[in-house]
Amino acid sequence: MTIEIKLRKGEPMDRAIRRLKKRLDREGTIRDVRDKRYYRKPSDKKREARKVAAFTQMLRTRYEKM
């Protein structure tokens, strides 16, 4: 799961770091690390998933009425 970014010829270091951050974000590496930082009970994960699903459903119905 090693991610490598090769510095292109004449590319500033800032841009290479930005590319690395985008790649990490796309692959979900940082999200996984943050999620696994602390143990969460399976019931808490399910509760959170249901809460997010209810919220997205509410938004869908709200925008369908418009």
C-alpha atoms as a PDB file:
ATOM      1  CA  MET A   1       0.000   0.000   0.000  1.00  0.00           C
ATOM      2  CA  THR A   2       2.964   2.232  -0.596  1.00  0.00           C
ATOM      3  CA  ILE A   3       2.207   5.273  -2.682  1.00  0.00           C
ATOM      4  CA  GLU A   4       5.001   6.839  -4.650  1.00  0.00           C
ATOM      5  CA  ILE A   5       5.066  10.173  -6.424  1.00  0.00           C
ATOM      6  CA  LYS A   6       8.008  10.804  -8.706  1.00  0.00           C
ATOM      7  CA  LEU A   7       9.140  14.384  -8.995  1.00  0.00           C
ATOM      8  CA  ARG A   8       8.847  15.473 -12.604  1.00  0.00           C
ATOM      9  CA  LYS A   9      11.568  17.442 -14.291  1.00  0.00           C
ATOM     10  CA  GLY A  10      11.277  21.110 -13.281  1.00  0.00           C
ATOM     11  CA  GLU A  11       8.267  20.462 -11.028  1.00  0.00           C
ATOM     12  CA  PRO A  12       8.111  22.431  -7.777  1.00  0.00           C
ATOM     13  CA  MET A  13       7.944  20.460  -4.559  1.00  0.00           C
ATOM     14  CA  ASP A  14       4.593  22.075  -3.648  1.00  0.00           C
ATOM     15  CA  ARG A  15       2.921  20.633  -6.733  1.00  0.00           C
ATOM     16  CA  ALA A  16       4.319  17.165  -6.062  1.00  0.00           C
ATOM     17  CA  ILE A  17       3.004  17.280  -2.493  1.00  0.00           C
ATOM     18  CA  ARG A  18      -0.397  18.359  -3.832  1.00  0.00           C
ATOM     19  CA  ARG A  19      -0.405  15.399  -6.226  1.00  0.00           C
ATOM     20  CA  LEU A  20       0.475  13.080  -3.349  1.00  0.00           C
ATOM     21  CA  LYS A  21      -2.374  14.437  -1.231  1.00  0.00           C
ATOM     22  CA  LYS A  22      -4.862  14.027  -4.073  1.00  0.00           C
ATOM     23  CA  ARG A  23      -3.738  10.462  -4.668  1.00  0.00           C
ATOM     24  CA  LEU A  24      -4.020   9.610  -0.968  1.00  0.00           C
ATOM     25  CA  ASP A  25      -7.489  11.131  -0.910  1.00  0.00           C
ATOM     26  CA  ARG A  26      -8.628   9.221  -4.001  1.00  0.00           C
ATOM     27  CA  GLU A  27      -7.417   5.913  -2.627  1.00  0.00           C
ATOM     28  CA  GLY A  28      -8.947   6.568   0.794  1.00  0.00           C
ATOM     29  CA  THR A  29      -5.710   5.973   2.689  1.00  0.00           C
ATOM     30  CA  ILE A  30      -6.054   8.896   5.073  1.00  0.00           C
ATOM     31  CA  ARG A  31      -9.732   8.135   5.697  1.00  0.00           C
ATOM     32  CA  ASP A  32      -8.857   4.537   6.586  1.00  0.00           C
ATOM     33  CA  VAL A  33      -6.135   5.608   8.982  1.00  0.00           C
ATOM     34  CA  ARG A  34      -8.465   8.046  10.719  1.00  0.00           C
ATOM     35  CA  ASP A  35     -11.242   5.456  10.951  1.00  0.00           C
ATOM     36  CA  LYS A  36      -8.926   2.853  12.449  1.00  0.00           C
ATOM     37  CA  ARG A  37      -7.321   5.209  14.944  1.00  0.00           C
ATOM     38  CA  TYR A  38      -9.815   4.153  17.623  1.00  0.00           C
ATOM     39  CA  TYR A  39     -11.920   1.040  17.980  1.00  0.00           C
ATOM     40  CA  ARG A  40     -15.593   1.493  17.174  1.00  0.00           C
ATOM     41  CA  LYS A  41     -18.135  -1.121  18.099  1.00  0.00           C
ATOM     42  CA  PRO A  42     -19.951  -2.691  15.158  1.00  0.00           C
ATOM     43  CA  SER A  43     -23.265  -1.456  16.533  1.00  0.00           C
ATOM     44  CA  ASP A  44     -21.936   2.118  16.536  1.00  0.00           C
ATOM     45  CA  LYS A  45     -20.805   1.726  12.921  1.00  0.00           C
ATOM     46  CA  LYS A  46     -24.255   0.450  11.922  1.00  0.00           C
ATOM     47  CA  ARG A  47     -25.964   3.270  13.798  1.00  0.00           C
ATOM     48  CA  GLU A  48     -23.788   5.846  12.027  1.00  0.00           C
ATOM     49  CA  ALA A  49     -24.481   4.234   8.641  1.00  0.00           C
ATOM     50  CA  ARG A  50     -28.239   4.328   9.284  1.00  0.00           C
ATOM     51  CA  LYS A  51     -28.002   7.955  10.332  1.00  0.00           C
ATOM     52  CA  VAL A  52     -26.133   8.904   7.141  1.00  0.00           C
ATOM     53  CA  ALA A  53     -28.593   6.909   5.009  1.00  0.00           C
ATOM     54  CA  ALA A  54     -31.579   8.656   6.613  1.00  0.00           C
ATOM     55  CA  PHE A  55     -29.982  12.052   6.020  1.00  0.00           C
ATOM     56  CA  THR A  56     -29.250  11.370   2.358  1.00  0.00           C
ATOM     57  CA  GLN A  57     -32.791  10.034   1.872  1.00  0.00           C
ATOM     58  CA  MET A  58     -34.187  13.209   3.426  1.00  0.00           C
ATOM     59  CA  LEU A  59     -32.090  15.333   1.064  1.00  0.00           C
ATOM     60  CA  ARG A  60     -33.238  13.287  -1.952  1.00  0.00           C
ATOM     61  CA  THR A  61     -36.905  13.707  -1.089  1.00  0.00           C
ATOM     62  CA  ARG A  62     -36.403  17.409  -0.461  1.00  0.00           C
ATOM     63  CA  TYR A  63     -34.799  17.966  -3.863  1.00  0.00           C
ATOM     64  CA  GLU A  64     -37.340  15.786  -5.683  1.00  0.00           C
ATOM     65  CA  LYS A  65     -40.117  18.077  -4.453  1.00  0.00           C
ATOM     66  CA  MET A  66     -38.434  21.139  -5.930  1.00  0.00           C
END
